[in-house]
Amino acid sequence: MAEQRAAAAFAKVNLGLIVSGAGPDGYHPLRSLVQSVSWADRVELAASEEDVFTVAGMEQSDDNLAWRAIDVVRAATNRRNPVALHLEKQIAVAAGLGGGSADAAATLALAADLYGLPSEQRQDSALNLGADVPFCLIGGLAVVEGRGERIRQEPLAEGFALGIVVPDFELSTRAVYRKWDEAGEPAGAPFPASQLPPSLRGYQPLRNDLQPAAESLVPELADRRADLAHRWGRPVAMSGSGPALFGFFVDEDEARAAIADAPSGMRASAAVHPVARGWREVPGTLAGPE
């Protein structure tokens, strides 16, 4: 690969997340309806004289999941050609939107081509990086089960947009699961069927079992969700382990108007639409979220 390649790494939204009690290994089996959306980071990868990793839009860390994807591909292929990796962050971090997993998946896909990792080995490599990475490598709309290794792709749901807002605090995924265990494994409230886009009504019930635990851990989250539901005149749900909140809208214009009316104290927002892949190769420069 003589020249730089770039990819858009798309965020994901858990439209529904059903959690089961932890097994002997400590993991909680999941069943989630997950959708890739048009909020994206940019990943750039090129052959280099020496390893270089740069990040814009967030604090750089040697433990960044995107760079770990390089290490995983190198280990699988026993090749260590130096590369330059650059990551431009747009997706809100630590928000339940899978931004780090999306970056890792896009990087893995580009690195797999560079190092010659066979396509049949890429999903296993993705699972070594984290539970959300296998889905982000495929993307679109899918039912994801287990630890993230079982993925059933579904026809792309259309006819709606999402307004996403991220409160100005972070939630620890580990702490949310611990709270869920302590609270007796509560189920989340199902999203009202009449308020779902028609293309999603066949997947009921859509609920997030981690939402009660997250709101118990940080009561301000429940206040923010209630405020948004009142302002938007529709139900608002949480993605993943939070704290990102979302609502369904007819199109991006309606979603954009809604997030403009969000209360202060939100650290990020975006009006997005469903996309059919978890990443795609791109030329030029990505636009940030609106």
Protein backbone atom coordinates (compact mmCIF):
# COMPACT_ATOMS: atom_id res chain seq x y z
CA MET A 1 0.00 0.00 0.00
CA ALA A 2 1.96 2.99 -1.24
CA GLU A 3 -0.58 5.67 -0.52
CA GLN A 4 -2.80 6.61 2.36
CA ARG A 5 -6.23 5.07 2.73
CA ALA A 6 -9.02 6.50 4.82
CA ALA A 7 -12.27 5.18 6.25
CA ALA A 8 -15.38 6.53 7.90
CA ALA A 9 -16.04 4.66 11.17
CA PHE A 10 -19.73 4.88 11.99
CA ALA A 11 -21.26 5.13 15.46
CA LYS A 12 -23.81 2.55 16.57
CA VAL A 13 -27.03 2.94 18.53
CA ASN A 14 -28.50 0.14 20.63
CA LEU A 15 -32.16 0.44 19.68
CA GLY A 16 -32.85 -2.33 22.17
CA LEU A 17 -30.62 -4.06 24.73
CA ILE A 18 -31.79 -7.09 26.70
CA VAL A 19 -29.33 -8.25 29.37
CA SER A 20 -29.08 -11.63 31.10
CA GLY A 21 -27.49 -12.39 34.43
CA ALA A 22 -23.74 -12.90 34.56
CA GLY A 23 -22.43 -16.40 33.96
CA PRO A 24 -19.61 -18.11 35.87
CA ASP A 25 -17.09 -16.18 33.76
CA GLY A 26 -18.60 -12.86 34.85
CA TYR A 27 -19.92 -11.91 31.42
CA HIS A 28 -23.54 -10.87 30.87
CA PRO A 29 -25.03 -12.47 27.72
CA LEU A 30 -26.83 -9.86 25.62
CA ARG A 31 -29.43 -9.63 22.92
CA SER A 32 -29.39 -6.27 21.19
CA LEU A 33 -30.86 -4.66 18.09
CA VAL A 34 -28.04 -2.44 16.86
CA GLN A 35 -28.02 0.14 14.07
CA SER A 36 -25.06 1.92 12.46
CA VAL A 37 -25.70 5.65 12.06
CA SER A 38 -24.15 8.48 10.08
CA TRP A 39 -22.11 10.04 12.91
CA ALA A 40 -18.55 9.07 11.98
CA ASP A 41 -14.90 9.28 12.95
CA ARG A 42 -12.16 9.29 10.31
CA VAL A 43 -9.34 6.76 10.29
CA GLU A 44 -6.29 7.17 8.03
CA LEU A 45 -3.67 4.45 7.54
CA ALA A 46 -0.49 4.42 5.43
CA ALA A 47 2.74 2.49 5.16
CA SER A 48 5.52 4.38 6.91
CA GLU A 49 9.22 4.35 7.74
CA GLU A 50 8.34 3.97 11.42
CA ASP A 51 5.25 3.53 13.56
CA VAL A 52 3.38 6.81 14.09
CA PHE A 53 0.02 7.27 15.84
CA THR A 54 -1.71 10.64 16.01
CA VAL A 55 -5.16 11.66 17.25
CA ALA A 56 -7.25 14.80 16.81
CA GLY A 57 -10.35 15.53 18.85
CA MET A 58 -9.50 13.57 22.00
CA GLU A 59 -6.60 12.84 24.30
CA GLN A 60 -4.08 10.44 22.81
CA SER A 61 -3.44 7.16 24.60
CA ASP A 62 -1.08 4.28 23.88
CA ASP A 63 -3.98 1.99 24.81
CA ASN A 64 -6.27 3.41 22.12
CA LEU A 65 -8.42 0.63 20.65
CA ALA A 66 -7.65 1.67 17.07
CA TRP A 67 -3.92 1.17 17.59
CA ARG A 68 -4.60 -2.10 19.40
CA ALA A 69 -6.30 -3.25 16.17
CA ILE A 70 -2.94 -2.85 14.42
CA ASP A 71 -1.30 -5.06 17.06
CA VAL A 72 -4.02 -7.71 16.72
CA VAL A 73 -3.63 -7.88 12.93
CA ARG A 74 0.17 -8.03 13.24
CA ALA A 75 -0.07 -10.89 15.71
CA ALA A 76 -2.45 -12.79 13.44
CA THR A 77 -0.25 -12.37 10.34
CA ASN A 78 3.20 -12.37 11.97
CA ARG A 79 4.05 -9.21 10.02
CA ARG A 80 5.18 -5.92 11.54
CA ASN A 81 5.55 -3.45 8.67
CA PRO A 82 5.56 0.06 10.24
CA VAL A 83 2.49 2.23 9.65
CA ALA A 84 1.22 5.73 10.28
CA LEU A 85 -2.26 5.80 11.81
CA HIS A 86 -4.23 9.00 12.25
CA LEU A 87 -7.62 9.21 14.00
CA GLU A 88 -9.98 12.18 13.81
CA LYS A 89 -12.64 11.94 16.51
CA GLN A 90 -16.15 13.24 15.94
CA ILE A 91 -18.23 10.64 17.82
CA ALA A 92 -18.68 11.45 21.50
CA VAL A 93 -16.46 9.24 23.66
CA ALA A 94 -17.63 7.13 26.61
CA ALA A 95 -21.24 7.67 25.54
CA GLY A 96 -22.66 4.27 24.60
CA LEU A 97 -22.24 4.97 20.87
CA GLY A 98 -19.39 2.55 20.17
CA GLY A 99 -17.00 5.16 18.82
CA GLY A 100 -13.88 3.37 20.01
CA SER A 101 -15.16 0.07 18.65
CA ALA A 102 -15.99 1.68 15.31
CA ASP A 103 -12.46 3.12 15.08
CA ALA A 104 -10.99 -0.29 15.87
CA ALA A 105 -13.17 -2.03 13.27
CA ALA A 106 -12.28 0.45 10.50
CA THR A 107 -8.59 0.28 11.40
CA LEU A 108 -8.71 -3.51 11.47
CA ALA A 109 -10.29 -3.59 8.01
CA LEU A 110 -7.63 -1.31 6.50
CA ALA A 111 -4.79 -3.07 8.33
CA ALA A 112 -6.10 -6.50 7.29
CA ASP A 113 -5.68 -5.48 3.65
CA LEU A 114 -2.19 -4.09 4.31
CA TYR A 115 -0.92 -7.13 6.20
CA GLY A 116 -2.85 -9.78 4.26
CA LEU A 117 -5.20 -11.05 6.97
CA PRO A 118 -7.71 -13.43 5.31
CA SER A 119 -11.32 -12.26 5.41
CA GLU A 120 -12.43 -15.38 7.31
CA GLN A 121 -10.15 -14.45 10.23
CA ARG A 122 -11.26 -10.85 10.61
CA GLN A 123 -14.33 -11.43 12.78
CA ASP A 124 -12.32 -13.48 15.30
CA SER A 125 -9.70 -10.73 15.38
CA ALA A 126 -12.46 -8.17 15.94
CA LEU A 127 -13.85 -10.12 18.92
CA ASN A 128 -10.39 -10.08 20.48
CA LEU A 129 -10.68 -6.28 20.58
CA GLY A 130 -14.08 -6.01 22.26
CA ALA A 131 -17.73 -7.04 22.21
CA ASP A 132 -18.90 -4.24 19.88
CA VAL A 133 -16.08 -4.52 17.34
CA PRO A 134 -17.44 -7.52 15.37
CA PHE A 135 -20.72 -5.68 14.78
CA CYS A 136 -18.90 -2.46 13.82
CA LEU A 137 -16.87 -4.41 11.27
CA ILE A 138 -20.13 -5.43 9.55
CA GLY A 139 -22.61 -2.73 10.57
CA GLY A 140 -26.03 -1.92 9.19
CA LEU A 141 -28.93 -3.26 11.26
CA ALA A 142 -28.36 -6.49 13.16
CA VAL A 143 -29.47 -8.58 16.09
CA VAL A 144 -26.34 -9.17 18.18
CA GLU A 145 -26.24 -11.89 20.83
CA GLY A 146 -23.91 -13.51 23.35
CA ARG A 147 -20.74 -11.50 23.88
CA GLY A 148 -21.14 -9.88 20.47
CA GLU A 149 -19.96 -12.89 18.48
CA ARG A 150 -23.39 -13.89 17.12
CA ILE A 151 -24.59 -11.38 14.56
CA ARG A 152 -27.70 -11.73 12.42
CA GLN A 153 -27.92 -9.00 9.82
CA GLU A 154 -31.36 -7.59 9.08
CA PRO A 155 -32.68 -5.51 6.18
CA LEU A 156 -31.78 -1.86 6.68
CA ALA A 157 -34.55 -0.04 8.53
CA GLU A 158 -35.55 3.16 6.78
CA GLY A 159 -38.04 5.99 7.03
CA PHE A 160 -36.67 7.68 10.15
CA ALA A 161 -33.82 9.70 11.61
CA LEU A 162 -32.43 9.91 15.11
CA GLY A 163 -31.69 12.91 17.26
CA ILE A 164 -28.85 12.04 19.64
CA VAL A 165 -27.69 14.12 22.59
CA VAL A 166 -24.95 13.25 25.08
CA PRO A 167 -25.14 14.72 28.60
CA ASP A 168 -21.99 16.36 29.93
CA PHE A 169 -20.96 13.44 32.15
CA GLU A 170 -19.60 9.97 31.52
CA LEU A 171 -20.76 6.58 32.77
CA SER A 172 -18.51 3.60 33.47
CA THR A 173 -19.85 0.53 31.66
CA ARG A 174 -18.49 -1.67 34.43
CA ALA A 175 -20.18 0.45 37.10
CA VAL A 176 -23.53 0.33 35.26
CA TYR A 177 -23.43 -3.46 35.02
CA ARG A 178 -22.47 -3.72 38.69
CA LYS A 179 -25.42 -1.51 39.60
CA TRP A 180 -27.70 -3.66 37.43
CA ASP A 181 -26.56 -6.77 39.31
CA GLU A 182 -27.03 -5.09 42.71
CA ALA A 183 -30.50 -3.84 41.77
CA GLY A 184 -31.75 -7.37 41.04
CA GLU A 185 -31.34 -7.38 37.24
CA PRO A 186 -34.23 -5.03 36.40
CA ALA A 187 -35.76 -4.94 32.92
CA GLY A 188 -36.05 -1.63 31.12
CA ALA A 189 -39.41 -0.22 30.08
CA PRO A 190 -40.35 -1.19 26.49
CA PHE A 191 -40.38 1.64 23.96
CA PRO A 192 -44.06 2.34 23.12
CA ALA A 193 -44.89 0.45 19.94
CA SER A 194 -46.99 3.30 18.57
CA GLN A 195 -43.98 5.61 18.79
CA LEU A 196 -41.62 3.33 16.85
CA PRO A 197 -40.94 3.84 13.14
CA PRO A 198 -42.96 1.24 11.16
CA SER A 199 -39.76 -0.42 9.90
CA LEU A 200 -38.79 -1.29 13.50
CA ARG A 201 -42.10 -2.52 14.89
CA GLY A 202 -41.31 -6.14 14.07
CA TYR A 203 -38.49 -6.14 16.62
CA GLN A 204 -40.56 -5.49 19.74
CA PRO A 205 -40.06 -5.29 22.58
CA LEU A 206 -37.34 -2.67 22.28
CA ARG A 207 -36.05 -1.80 25.71
CA ASN A 208 -32.71 -1.06 27.37
CA ASP A 209 -32.25 -3.12 30.51
CA LEU A 210 -29.26 -1.02 31.57
CA GLN A 211 -31.24 2.22 31.59
CA PRO A 212 -32.75 1.78 35.11
CA ALA A 213 -29.31 0.96 36.52
CA ALA A 214 -27.67 3.92 34.78
CA GLU A 215 -30.36 6.29 36.03
CA SER A 216 -30.04 4.91 39.55
CA LEU A 217 -26.29 5.41 39.40
CA VAL A 218 -26.62 8.98 38.07
CA PRO A 219 -30.13 10.35 38.80
CA GLU A 220 -29.36 13.40 36.65
CA LEU A 221 -29.61 11.10 33.62
CA ALA A 222 -33.28 10.41 34.36
CA ASP A 223 -33.89 14.15 34.72
CA ARG A 224 -32.23 14.85 31.36
CA ARG A 225 -34.21 12.11 29.65
CA ALA A 226 -37.51 13.37 31.09
CA ASP A 227 -36.68 16.94 30.07
CA LEU A 228 -35.89 15.86 26.50
CA ALA A 229 -39.06 13.76 26.27
CA HIS A 230 -41.09 16.80 27.35
CA ARG A 231 -39.35 19.16 24.92
CA TRP A 232 -39.52 16.72 22.02
CA GLY A 233 -43.02 15.42 22.70
CA ARG A 234 -41.95 11.80 22.30
CA PRO A 235 -40.22 8.99 24.23
CA VAL A 236 -36.45 9.18 24.68
CA ALA A 237 -34.23 6.14 25.21
CA MET A 238 -30.61 5.46 26.15
CA SER A 239 -28.03 3.75 23.93
CA GLY A 240 -25.81 1.03 25.38
CA SER A 241 -24.58 1.76 28.89
CA GLY A 242 -25.14 5.48 28.29
CA PRO A 243 -25.28 8.29 28.74
CA ALA A 244 -26.21 9.04 25.07
CA LEU A 245 -29.98 9.64 24.66
CA PHE A 246 -31.96 9.44 21.44
CA GLY A 247 -35.39 9.92 19.96
CA PHE A 248 -36.97 8.95 16.63
CA PHE A 249 -37.87 11.61 14.04
CA VAL A 250 -39.32 11.70 10.55
CA ASP A 251 -36.11 13.00 8.96
CA GLU A 252 -32.83 14.73 9.78
CA ASP A 253 -34.31 18.21 9.47
CA GLU A 254 -36.83 17.41 12.22
CA ALA A 255 -34.09 15.78 14.32
CA ARG A 256 -31.81 18.79 13.83
CA ALA A 257 -34.52 21.16 15.00
CA ALA A 258 -35.12 18.98 18.05
CA ILE A 259 -31.51 18.85 19.18
CA ALA A 260 -31.30 22.62 18.75
CA ASP A 261 -33.98 22.76 21.48
CA ALA A 262 -32.04 20.44 23.82
CA PRO A 263 -31.24 21.91 27.23
CA SER A 264 -27.81 23.23 28.08
CA GLY A 265 -25.33 20.84 29.65
CA MET A 266 -25.02 18.50 26.69
CA ARG A 267 -21.47 17.79 25.53
CA ALA A 268 -22.35 16.55 22.04
CA SER A 269 -25.29 16.10 19.70
CA ALA A 270 -26.04 14.91 16.17
CA ALA A 271 -28.92 14.44 13.75
CA VAL A 272 -28.27 11.13 12.00
CA HIS A 273 -29.77 8.56 9.67
CA PRO A 274 -29.29 4.77 9.49
CA VAL A 275 -26.39 3.53 7.34
CA ALA A 276 -25.89 0.10 5.81
CA ARG A 277 -22.29 -0.54 6.93
CA GLY A 278 -20.14 -0.19 10.01
CA TRP A 279 -17.38 1.54 8.04
CA ARG A 280 -16.60 2.52 4.48
CA GLU A 281 -13.55 3.70 2.63
CA VAL A 282 -13.69 7.42 1.84
CA PRO A 283 -11.76 10.07 -0.06
CA GLY A 284 -11.34 13.64 1.15
CA THR A 285 -12.40 14.90 4.57
CA LEU A 286 -15.36 13.90 6.66
CA ALA A 287 -17.81 16.51 7.86
CA GLY A 288 -18.52 16.56 11.59
CA PRO A 289 -21.97 16.04 13.10
CA GLU A 290 -24.49 18.78 12.69
